[in-house]
PDB file of N, CA and C in Angstrom:
ATOM      1  N   UNK A   1       0.841  -0.986  -0.051  1.00  0.00           N
ATOM      2  CA  UNK A   1      -0.427  -0.216   0.320  1.00  0.00           C
ATOM      3  C   UNK A   1       0.380   1.519   0.654  1.00  0.00           C
ATOM      4  N   UNK A   2       0.243   2.123  -1.134  1.00  0.00           N
ATOM      5  CA  UNK A   2       1.425   3.741  -0.898  1.00  0.00           C
ATOM      6  C   UNK A   2       0.729   4.509   0.279  1.00  0.00           C
ATOM      7  N   UNK A   3       1.484   4.683   0.547  1.00  0.00           N
ATOM      8  CA  UNK A   3       1.881   5.682   1.331  1.00  0.00           C
ATOM      9  C   UNK A   3       1.033   7.458   0.815  1.00  0.00           C
ATOM     10  N   UNK A   4       0.751   8.530   1.574  1.00  0.00           N
ATOM     11  CA  UNK A   4       1.180   9.659   1.044  1.00  0.00           C
ATOM     12  C   UNK A   4       1.903  10.573   0.472  1.00  0.00           C
ATOM     13  N   UNK A   5       3.111  10.614   0.927  1.00  0.00           N
ATOM     14  CA  UNK A   5       4.309  10.240   0.355  1.00  0.00           C
ATOM     15  C   UNK A   5       4.672  10.385  -0.198  1.00  0.00           C
ATOM     16  N   UNK A   6       4.785   8.898  -0.500  1.00  0.00           N
ATOM     17  CA  UNK A   6       4.859   7.976  -2.184  1.00  0.00           C
ATOM     18  C   UNK A   6       3.871   8.918  -3.020  1.00  0.00           C
ATOM     19  N   UNK A   7       2.531   9.403  -3.573  1.00  0.00           N
ATOM     20  CA  UNK A   7       1.818   9.659  -3.997  1.00  0.00           C
ATOM     21  C   UNK A   7       2.395  11.775  -4.200  1.00  0.00           C
ATOM     22  N   UNK A   8       3.065  12.349  -3.857  1.00  0.00           N
ATOM     23  CA  UNK A   8       3.624  13.678  -4.053  1.00  0.00           C
ATOM     24  C   UNK A   8       3.958  13.310  -5.199  1.00  0.00           C
ATOM     25  N   UNK A   9       4.524  14.937  -6.417  1.00  0.00           N
ATOM     26  CA  UNK A   9       4.952  14.831  -6.708  1.00  0.00           C
ATOM     27  C   UNK A   9       6.500  15.489  -6.087  1.00  0.00           C
ATOM     28  N   UNK A  10       7.905  15.685  -7.279  1.00  0.00           N
ATOM     29  CA  UNK A  10       8.572  15.824  -6.995  1.00  0.00           C
ATOM     30  C   UNK A  10       8.627  16.742  -6.271  1.00  0.00           C
ATOM     31  N   UNK A  11       8.965  17.703  -6.785  1.00  0.00           N
ATOM     32  CA  UNK A  11       8.041  19.031  -6.184  1.00  0.00           C
ATOM     33  C   UNK A  11       7.681  19.696  -4.729  1.00  0.00           C
ATOM     34  N   UNK A  12       6.636  18.665  -4.912  1.00  0.00           N
ATOM     35  CA  UNK A  12       5.988  18.185  -2.966  1.00  0.00           C
ATOM     36  C   UNK A  12       6.916  17.784  -2.542  1.00  0.00           C
ATOM     37  N   UNK A  13       7.582  17.027  -2.947  1.00  0.00           N
ATOM     38  CA  UNK A  13       8.349  16.119  -1.742  1.00  0.00           C
ATOM     39  C   UNK A  13       9.851  16.765  -1.501  1.00  0.00           C
ATOM     40  N   UNK A  14      10.225  17.332  -1.839  1.00  0.00           N
ATOM     41  CA  UNK A  14      11.125  18.008  -1.966  1.00  0.00           C
ATOM     42  C   UNK A  14      10.609  19.342  -0.433  1.00  0.00           C
ATOM     43  N   UNK A  15       9.852  19.870  -1.465  1.00  0.00           N
ATOM     44  CA  UNK A  15       8.522  21.493  -0.410  1.00  0.00           C
ATOM     45  C   UNK A  15       8.699  20.252   1.181  1.00  0.00           C
ATOM     46  N   UNK A  16       8.385  19.316   1.349  1.00  0.00           N
ATOM     47  CA  UNK A  16       7.710  18.215   2.520  1.00  0.00           C
ATOM     48  C   UNK A  16       9.220  18.295   3.032  1.00  0.00           C
ATOM     49  N   UNK A  17      10.306  18.242   2.497  1.00  0.00           N
ATOM     50  CA  UNK A  17      11.119  17.399   3.340  1.00  0.00           C
ATOM     51  C   UNK A  17      11.473  19.054   4.081  1.00  0.00           C
ATOM     52  N   UNK A  18      11.783  20.003   3.366  1.00  0.00           N
ATOM     53  CA  UNK A  18      12.496  20.848   2.726  1.00  0.00           C
ATOM     54  C   UNK A  18      11.772  21.396   5.040  1.00  0.00           C
ATOM     55  N   UNK A  19      10.561  21.935   4.762  1.00  0.00           N
ATOM     56  CA  UNK A  19       9.723  22.146   6.220  1.00  0.00           C
ATOM     57  C   UNK A  19      10.026  21.562   6.977  1.00  0.00           C
ATOM     58  N   UNK A  20      10.092  20.391   6.643  1.00  0.00           N
ATOM     59  CA  UNK A  20      10.893  18.908   8.065  1.00  0.00           C
ATOM     60  C   UNK A  20      11.656  19.080   8.295  1.00  0.00           C
ATOM     61  N   UNK A  21      12.913  19.810   8.187  1.00  0.00           N
ATOM     62  CA  UNK A  21      14.175  19.953   7.844  1.00  0.00           C
ATOM     63  C   UNK A  21      14.151  20.838   9.291  1.00  0.00           C
ATOM     64  N   UNK A  22      12.971  21.892   9.544  1.00  0.00           N
ATOM     65  CA  UNK A  22      13.085  22.492  10.935  1.00  0.00           C
ATOM     66  C   UNK A  22      12.548  22.379  11.930  1.00  0.00           C
ATOM     67  N   UNK A  23      11.797  20.782  11.922  1.00  0.00           N
ATOM     68  CA  UNK A  23      10.824  20.221  13.076  1.00  0.00           C
ATOM     69  C   UNK A  23      12.418  19.594  14.192  1.00  0.00           C
ATOM     70  N   UNK A  24      11.162  19.551  15.033  1.00  0.00           N
ATOM     71  CA  UNK A  24      12.410  18.804  15.716  1.00  0.00           C
ATOM     72  C   UNK A  24      13.019  17.628  15.653  1.00  0.00           C
ATOM     73  N   UNK A  25      11.828  16.680  15.020  1.00  0.00           N
ATOM     74  CA  UNK A  25      12.479  15.525  14.730  1.00  0.00           C
ATOM     75  C   UNK A  25      13.523  14.799  13.757  1.00  0.00           C
ATOM     76  N   UNK A  26      13.959  15.755  12.595  1.00  0.00           N
ATOM     77  CA  UNK A  26      14.466  15.967  12.064  1.00  0.00           C
ATOM     78  C   UNK A  26      16.023  15.932  12.336  1.00  0.00           C
ATOM     79  N   UNK A  27      16.632  15.570  13.797  1.00  0.00           N
ATOM     80  CA  UNK A  27      17.351  15.129  14.278  1.00  0.00           C
ATOM     81  C   UNK A  27      17.256  13.949  13.854  1.00  0.00           C
ATOM     82  N   UNK A  28      16.022  13.246  14.814  1.00  0.00           N
ATOM     83  CA  UNK A  28      16.135  11.273  14.665  1.00  0.00           C
ATOM     84  C   UNK A  28      16.254  11.435  13.154  1.00  0.00           C
ATOM     85  N   UNK A  29      15.678  12.544  11.860  1.00  0.00           N
ATOM     86  CA  UNK A  29      15.809  12.016  10.872  1.00  0.00           C
ATOM     87  C   UNK A  29      17.378  11.602  10.299  1.00  0.00           C
ATOM     88  N   UNK A  30      18.259  12.353  10.494  1.00  0.00           N
ATOM     89  CA  UNK A  30      19.641  13.145  10.727  1.00  0.00           C
ATOM     90  C   UNK A  30      20.356  11.649  10.782  1.00  0.00           C
ATOM     91  N   UNK A  31      19.993  11.108  11.791  1.00  0.00           N
ATOM     92  CA  UNK A  31      20.605   9.417  12.729  1.00  0.00           C
ATOM     93  C   UNK A  31      19.650   8.594  11.732  1.00  0.00           C
ATOM     94  N   UNK A  32      19.525   8.420  11.084  1.00  0.00           N
ATOM     95  CA  UNK A  32      18.379   7.307  10.284  1.00  0.00           C
ATOM     96  C   UNK A  32      19.565   7.322   9.545  1.00  0.00           C
ATOM     97  N   UNK A  33      19.875   8.518   8.599  1.00  0.00           N
ATOM     98  CA  UNK A  33      20.479   8.536   7.779  1.00  0.00           C
ATOM     99  C   UNK A  33      21.766   7.922   7.746  1.00  0.00           C
ATOM    100  N   UNK A  34      22.738   7.867   8.963  1.00  0.00           N
ATOM    101  CA  UNK A  34      23.718   7.403   8.888  1.00  0.00           C
ATOM    102  C   UNK A  34      24.002   6.145   9.231  1.00  0.00           C
ATOM    103  N   UNK A  35      22.550   5.641   9.824  1.00  0.00           N
ATOM    104  CA  UNK A  35      22.655   3.962  10.249  1.00  0.00           C
ATOM    105  C   UNK A  35      22.842   3.510   8.929  1.00  0.00           C
ATOM    106  N   UNK A  36      21.777   4.485   7.654  1.00  0.00           N
ATOM    107  CA  UNK A  36      21.787   3.544   6.734  1.00  0.00           C
ATOM    108  C   UNK A  36      22.990   3.815   5.684  1.00  0.00           C
ATOM    109  N   UNK A  37      23.816   4.718   6.526  1.00  0.00           N
ATOM    110  CA  UNK A  37      25.845   4.005   5.363  1.00  0.00           C
ATOM    111  C   UNK A  37      26.174   3.655   6.276  1.00  0.00           C
ATOM    112  N   UNK A  38      26.313   3.087   7.778  1.00  0.00           N
ATOM    113  CA  UNK A  38      26.795   1.824   7.859  1.00  0.00           C
ATOM    114  C   UNK A  38      26.124   0.778   7.579  1.00  0.00           C
ATOM    115  N   UNK A  39      24.964   0.558   7.709  1.00  0.00           N
ATOM    116  CA  UNK A  39      24.493  -0.511   7.001  1.00  0.00           C
ATOM    117  C   UNK A  39      24.787  -0.547   5.544  1.00  0.00           C
ATOM    118  N   UNK A  40      24.942   0.003   5.033  1.00  0.00           N
ATOM    119  CA  UNK A  40      25.476  -0.516   3.002  1.00  0.00           C
ATOM    120  C   UNK A  40      27.396  -0.365   3.460  1.00  0.00           C
ATOM    121  N   UNK A  41      28.045   0.030   4.444  1.00  0.00           N
ATOM    122  CA  UNK A  41      29.850  -0.211   4.820  1.00  0.00           C
ATOM    123  C   UNK A  41      29.311  -1.636   5.002  1.00  0.00           C
ATOM    124  N   UNK A  42      28.291  -2.096   6.125  1.00  0.00           N
ATOM    125  CA  UNK A  42      28.356  -3.691   6.797  1.00  0.00           C
ATOM    126  C   UNK A  42      28.358  -4.519   5.773  1.00  0.00           C
ATOM    127  N   UNK A  43      27.565  -4.226   4.559  1.00  0.00           N
ATOM    128  CA  UNK A  43      27.135  -4.853   3.572  1.00  0.00           C
ATOM    129  C   UNK A  43      28.107  -5.288   2.674  1.00  0.00           C
ATOM    130  N   UNK A  44      28.865  -4.616   2.353  1.00  0.00           N
ATOM    131  CA  UNK A  44      30.071  -3.797   1.484  1.00  0.00           C
ATOM    132  C   UNK A  44      31.005  -4.927   2.756  1.00  0.00           C
ATOM    133  N   UNK A  45      31.338  -4.584   3.449  1.00  0.00           N
ATOM    134  CA  UNK A  45      32.405  -5.448   4.278  1.00  0.00           C
ATOM    135  C   UNK A  45      32.609  -6.619   4.259  1.00  0.00           C
ATOM    136  N   UNK A  46      31.301  -7.609   5.008  1.00  0.00           N
ATOM    137  CA  UNK A  46      30.784  -8.608   4.205  1.00  0.00           C
ATOM    138  C   UNK A  46      30.688  -9.606   2.916  1.00  0.00           C
ATOM    139  N   UNK A  47      29.793  -8.439   2.051  1.00  0.00           N
ATOM    140  CA  UNK A  47      30.661  -9.481   0.554  1.00  0.00           C
ATOM    141  C   UNK A  47      32.482  -9.365   0.371  1.00  0.00           C
ATOM    142  N   UNK A  48      33.413  -8.853   1.065  1.00  0.00           N
ATOM    143  CA  UNK A  48      34.463  -8.055   0.586  1.00  0.00           C
ATOM    144  C   UNK A  48      35.274  -9.610   1.522  1.00  0.00           C
ATOM    145  N   UNK A  49      34.236  -9.946   2.398  1.00  0.00           N
ATOM    146  CA  UNK A  49      35.691 -10.821   3.636  1.00  0.00           C
ATOM    147  C   UNK A  49      34.815 -11.834   3.488  1.00  0.00           C
ATOM    148  N   UNK A  50      33.586 -12.377   2.782  1.00  0.00           N
ATOM    149  CA  UNK A  50      32.841 -13.198   2.083  1.00  0.00           C
ATOM    150  C   UNK A  50      33.472 -14.034   0.673  1.00  0.00           C
ATOM    151  N   UNK A  51      34.572 -13.139   0.174  1.00  0.00           N
ATOM    152  CA  UNK A  51      35.455 -13.532  -0.884  1.00  0.00           C
ATOM    153  C   UNK A  51      36.618 -13.469  -0.613  1.00  0.00           C
ATOM    154  N   UNK A  52      36.949 -13.204   0.399  1.00  0.00           N
ATOM    155  CA  UNK A  52      38.495 -13.061   1.180  1.00  0.00           C
ATOM    156  C   UNK A  52      38.575 -14.427   1.560  1.00  0.00           C
ATOM    157  N   UNK A  53      37.249 -15.179   1.993  1.00  0.00           N
ATOM    158  CA  UNK A  53      37.276 -15.953   3.575  1.00  0.00           C
ATOM    159  C   UNK A  53      37.329 -17.211   1.877  1.00  0.00           C
ATOM    160  N   UNK A  54      36.786 -17.317   0.649  1.00  0.00           N
ATOM    161  CA  UNK A  54      36.287 -18.251  -0.172  1.00  0.00           C
ATOM    162  C   UNK A  54      37.539 -17.926  -0.585  1.00  0.00           C
ATOM    163  N   UNK A  55      38.614 -17.248  -1.287  1.00  0.00           N
ATOM    164  CA  UNK A  55      39.881 -17.369  -2.097  1.00  0.00           C
ATOM    165  C   UNK A  55      40.743 -17.665  -0.662  1.00  0.00           C
ATOM    166  N   UNK A  56      40.948 -17.385   0.647  1.00  0.00           N
ATOM    167  CA  UNK A  56      41.992 -18.202   1.256  1.00  0.00           C
ATOM    168  C   UNK A  56      41.429 -19.218   1.572  1.00  0.00           C
ATOM    169  N   UNK A  57      39.987 -20.006   1.802  1.00  0.00           N
ATOM    170  CA  UNK A  57      39.314 -21.324   2.222  1.00  0.00           C
ATOM    171  C   UNK A  57      40.157 -21.267   3.907  1.00  0.00           C
ATOM    172  N   UNK A  58      39.260 -20.489   4.761  1.00  0.00           N
ATOM    173  CA  UNK A  58      39.511 -19.827   5.854  1.00  0.00           C
ATOM    174  C   UNK A  58      38.274 -20.981   6.603  1.00  0.00           C
ATOM    175  N   UNK A  59      38.001 -20.864   7.906  1.00  0.00           N
ATOM    176  CA  UNK A  59      36.623 -22.163   7.732  1.00  0.00           C
ATOM    177  C   UNK A  59      35.591 -21.419   7.598  1.00  0.00           C
ATOM    178  N   UNK A  60      34.417 -22.790   8.614  1.00  0.00           N
ATOM    179  CA  UNK A  60      32.678 -21.820   7.956  1.00  0.00           C
ATOM    180  C   UNK A  60      32.025 -21.394   9.284  1.00  0.00           C
ATOM    181  N   UNK A  61      33.241 -21.318  10.260  1.00  0.00           N
ATOM    182  CA  UNK A  61      32.669 -19.488  11.052  1.00  0.00           C
ATOM    183  C   UNK A  61      32.455 -18.583  10.593  1.00  0.00           C
ATOM    184  N   UNK A  62      33.506 -18.763   9.422  1.00  0.00           N
ATOM    185  CA  UNK A  62      33.925 -17.070   9.127  1.00  0.00           C
ATOM    186  C   UNK A  62      32.478 -16.823   8.156  1.00  0.00           C
ATOM    187  N   UNK A  63      32.602 -17.975   7.699  1.00  0.00           N
ATOM    188  CA  UNK A  63      31.678 -17.352   6.493  1.00  0.00           C
ATOM    189  C   UNK A  63      30.461 -17.235   6.956  1.00  0.00           C
ATOM    190  N   UNK A  64      29.775 -18.086   8.280  1.00  0.00           N
ATOM    191  CA  UNK A  64      28.548 -17.843   9.206  1.00  0.00           C
ATOM    192  C   UNK A  64      28.816 -16.599   9.445  1.00  0.00           C
ATOM    193  N   UNK A  65      29.973 -15.666  10.381  1.00  0.00           N
ATOM    194  CA  UNK A  65      30.429 -14.729  10.854  1.00  0.00           C
ATOM    195  C   UNK A  65      29.650 -13.738   9.738  1.00  0.00           C
ATOM    196  N   UNK A  66      30.253 -14.082   8.123  1.00  0.00           N
ATOM    197  CA  UNK A  66      29.880 -13.164   7.707  1.00  0.00           C
ATOM    198  C   UNK A  66      28.245 -12.670   6.992  1.00  0.00           C
ATOM    199  N   UNK A  67      27.848 -13.826   7.446  1.00  0.00           N
ATOM    200  CA  UNK A  67      26.137 -14.089   6.581  1.00  0.00           C
ATOM    201  C   UNK A  67      25.603 -13.541   7.476  1.00  0.00           C
ATOM    202  N   UNK A  68      25.905 -13.319   8.841  1.00  0.00           N
ATOM    203  CA  UNK A  68      25.009 -12.524   9.826  1.00  0.00           C
ATOM    204  C   UNK A  68      25.155 -10.783   9.470  1.00  0.00           C
ATOM    205  N   UNK A  69      26.302 -11.037   9.004  1.00  0.00           N
ATOM    206  CA  UNK A  69      26.681  -9.536   9.057  1.00  0.00           C
ATOM    207  C   UNK A  69      25.864  -9.334   8.270  1.00  0.00           C
ATOM    208  N   UNK A  70      25.782  -9.888   6.587  1.00  0.00           N
ATOM    209  CA  UNK A  70      25.450  -9.369   5.988  1.00  0.00           C
ATOM    210  C   UNK A  70      23.553  -9.278   5.849  1.00  0.00           C
ATOM    211  N   UNK A  71      22.654 -10.960   6.696  1.00  0.00           N
ATOM    212  CA  UNK A  71      21.705  -9.827   6.837  1.00  0.00           C
ATOM    213  C   UNK A  71      20.924  -9.070   7.964  1.00  0.00           C
ATOM    214  N   UNK A  72      22.040  -9.155   8.942  1.00  0.00           N
ATOM    215  CA  UNK A  72      21.819  -7.689  10.264  1.00  0.00           C
ATOM    216  C   UNK A  72      21.299  -6.466   9.296  1.00  0.00           C
ATOM    217  N   UNK A  73      22.925  -6.295   8.050  1.00  0.00           N
ATOM    218  CA  UNK A  73      23.554  -5.324   7.925  1.00  0.00           C
ATOM    219  C   UNK A  73      21.289  -4.930   6.418  1.00  0.00           C
ATOM    220  N   UNK A  74      21.093  -5.320   6.193  1.00  0.00           N
ATOM    221  CA  UNK A  74      20.499  -5.505   4.759  1.00  0.00           C
ATOM    222  C   UNK A  74      19.027  -5.544   5.601  1.00  0.00           C
ATOM    223  N   UNK A  75      19.113  -5.827   7.386  1.00  0.00           N
ATOM    224  CA  UNK A  75      18.003  -5.908   7.884  1.00  0.00           C
ATOM    225  C   UNK A  75      17.212  -4.193   8.180  1.00  0.00           C
ATOM    226  N   UNK A  76      18.475  -4.105   8.869  1.00  0.00           N
ATOM    227  CA  UNK A  76      18.489  -2.842   9.663  1.00  0.00           C
ATOM    228  C   UNK A  76      18.654  -1.270   8.752  1.00  0.00           C
ATOM    229  N   UNK A  77      19.003  -2.076   7.045  1.00  0.00           N
ATOM    230  CA  UNK A  77      18.900  -0.624   6.309  1.00  0.00           C
ATOM    231  C   UNK A  77      17.310  -1.271   5.594  1.00  0.00           C
ATOM    232  N   UNK A  78      17.229  -1.278   5.260  1.00  0.00           N
ATOM    233  CA  UNK A  78      15.405  -1.628   5.215  1.00  0.00           C
ATOM    234  C   UNK A  78      14.225  -0.904   6.278  1.00  0.00           C
ATOM    235  N   UNK A  79      15.146  -1.263   7.440  1.00  0.00           N
ATOM    236  CA  UNK A  79      13.385  -1.289   8.554  1.00  0.00           C
ATOM    237  C   UNK A  79      13.590   0.246   8.338  1.00  0.00           C
ATOM    238  N   UNK A  80      14.973   1.290   8.343  1.00  0.00           N
ATOM    239  CA  UNK A  80      15.675   2.032   8.749  1.00  0.00           C
ATOM    240  C   UNK A  80      15.025   2.822   7.019  1.00  0.00           C
ATOM    241  N   UNK A  81      14.882   2.335   6.566  1.00  0.00           N
ATOM    242  CA  UNK A  81      15.001   2.910   4.818  1.00  0.00           C
ATOM    243  C   UNK A  81      13.311   3.377   5.192  1.00  0.00           C
ATOM    244  N   UNK A  82      12.289   2.181   5.895  1.00  0.00           N
ATOM    245  CA  UNK A  82      10.733   2.367   6.184  1.00  0.00           C
ATOM    246  C   UNK A  82      10.215   3.178   7.629  1.00  0.00           C
ATOM    247  N   UNK A  83      11.328   3.402   8.608  1.00  0.00           N
ATOM    248  CA  UNK A  83      11.228   4.759   9.667  1.00  0.00           C
ATOM    249  C   UNK A  83      10.821   6.094   8.989  1.00  0.00           C
ATOM    250  N   UNK A  84      12.140   5.934   8.518  1.00  0.00           N
ATOM    251  CA  UNK A  84      12.279   7.116   7.431  1.00  0.00           C
ATOM    252  C   UNK A  84      10.912   7.857   6.235  1.00  0.00           C
ATOM    253  N   UNK A  85      10.650   6.819   5.513  1.00  0.00           N
ATOM    254  CA  UNK A  85       9.363   7.507   5.258  1.00  0.00           C
ATOM    255  C   UNK A  85       8.256   7.474   6.187  1.00  0.00           C
ATOM    256  N   UNK A  86       8.200   6.429   6.555  1.00  0.00           N
ATOM    257  CA  UNK A  86       7.179   6.799   7.661  1.00  0.00           C
ATOM    258  C   UNK A  86       7.306   8.199   8.182  1.00  0.00           C
ATOM    259  N   UNK A  87       8.226   8.823   9.197  1.00  0.00           N
ATOM    260  CA  UNK A  87       8.408  10.189   9.627  1.00  0.00           C
ATOM    261  C   UNK A  87       7.699  10.948   9.156  1.00  0.00           C
ATOM    262  N   UNK A  88       8.536  10.758   7.067  1.00  0.00           N
ATOM    263  CA  UNK A  88       7.659  12.014   6.554  1.00  0.00           C
ATOM    264  C   UNK A  88       6.713  11.928   5.981  1.00  0.00           C
ATOM    265  N   UNK A  89       6.087  10.510   6.310  1.00  0.00           N
ATOM    266  CA  UNK A  89       5.046  10.446   5.640  1.00  0.00           C
ATOM    267  C   UNK A  89       3.593  11.145   6.344  1.00  0.00           C
ATOM    268  N   UNK A  90       3.477  10.985   7.831  1.00  0.00           N
ATOM    269  CA  UNK A  90       3.634  11.642   9.137  1.00  0.00           C
ATOM    270  C   UNK A  90       3.680  12.708   9.112  1.00  0.00           C
ATOM    271  N   UNK A  91       4.747  13.534   9.240  1.00  0.00           N
ATOM    272  CA  UNK A  91       4.709  14.284   8.902  1.00  0.00           C
ATOM    273  C   UNK A  91       3.694  15.758   7.647  1.00  0.00           C
ATOM    274  N   UNK A  92       3.600  14.599   6.660  1.00  0.00           N
ATOM    275  CA  UNK A  92       3.326  15.505   5.056  1.00  0.00           C
ATOM    276  C   UNK A  92       1.155  15.091   5.651  1.00  0.00           C
ATOM    277  N   UNK A  93       0.986  14.444   6.410  1.00  0.00           N
ATOM    278  CA  UNK A  93      -0.201  13.860   6.496  1.00  0.00           C
ATOM    279  C   UNK A  93      -0.191  15.108   7.552  1.00  0.00           C
ATOM    280  N   UNK A  94       0.152  15.768   8.907  1.00  0.00           N
ATOM    281  CA  UNK A  94      -0.250  16.359   9.930  1.00  0.00           C
ATOM    282  C   UNK A  94       0.024  17.744   8.494  1.00  0.00           C
ATOM    283  N   UNK A  95       0.715  17.998   7.822  1.00  0.00           N
ATOM    284  CA  UNK A  95       0.708  19.433   6.679  1.00  0.00           C
ATOM    285  C   UNK A  95       0.040  19.928   6.329  1.00  0.00           C
ATOM    286  N   UNK A  96      -0.985  18.347   5.649  1.00  0.00           N
ATOM    287  CA  UNK A  96      -2.202  18.230   4.797  1.00  0.00           C
ATOM    288  C   UNK A  96      -3.483  18.166   6.057  1.00  0.00           C
ATOM    289  N   UNK A  97      -3.681  18.469   6.639  1.00  0.00           N
ATOM    290  CA  UNK A  97      -4.683  18.103   8.144  1.00  0.00           C
ATOM    291  C   UNK A  97      -5.105  19.844   8.306  1.00  0.00           C
ATOM    292  N   UNK A  98      -3.752  20.600   8.922  1.00  0.00           N
ATOM    293  CA  UNK A  98      -3.430  21.726   8.521  1.00  0.00           C
ATOM    294  C   UNK A  98      -4.044  22.228   7.623  1.00  0.00           C
ATOM    295  N   UNK A  99      -3.829  23.014   6.695  1.00  0.00           N
ATOM    296  CA  UNK A  99      -3.802  23.549   5.316  1.00  0.00           C
ATOM    297  C   UNK A  99      -5.540  23.291   5.821  1.00  0.00           C
TER     298      UNK A  99
END
């Protein structure tokens, strides 16, 4: 199901983001962006480590650790994206009701 924020045009989305940057919740929004960057780094490191483990034929425990890092990073990445979208959607709906 699409949320209200997804239905907005590109210009309206930019306007909502600009207005949201002046709110108190914007700090939380920025922190979710930082967590997303760390998740992307975690995914890259887990893939690189998995390739390294394959090339040098390390033990099965290393593969398991790489898999857990990859899985955890992907789950947190999508969860943070969902949180960001929900925050913007709530803000856009509150602005819509105010008008």
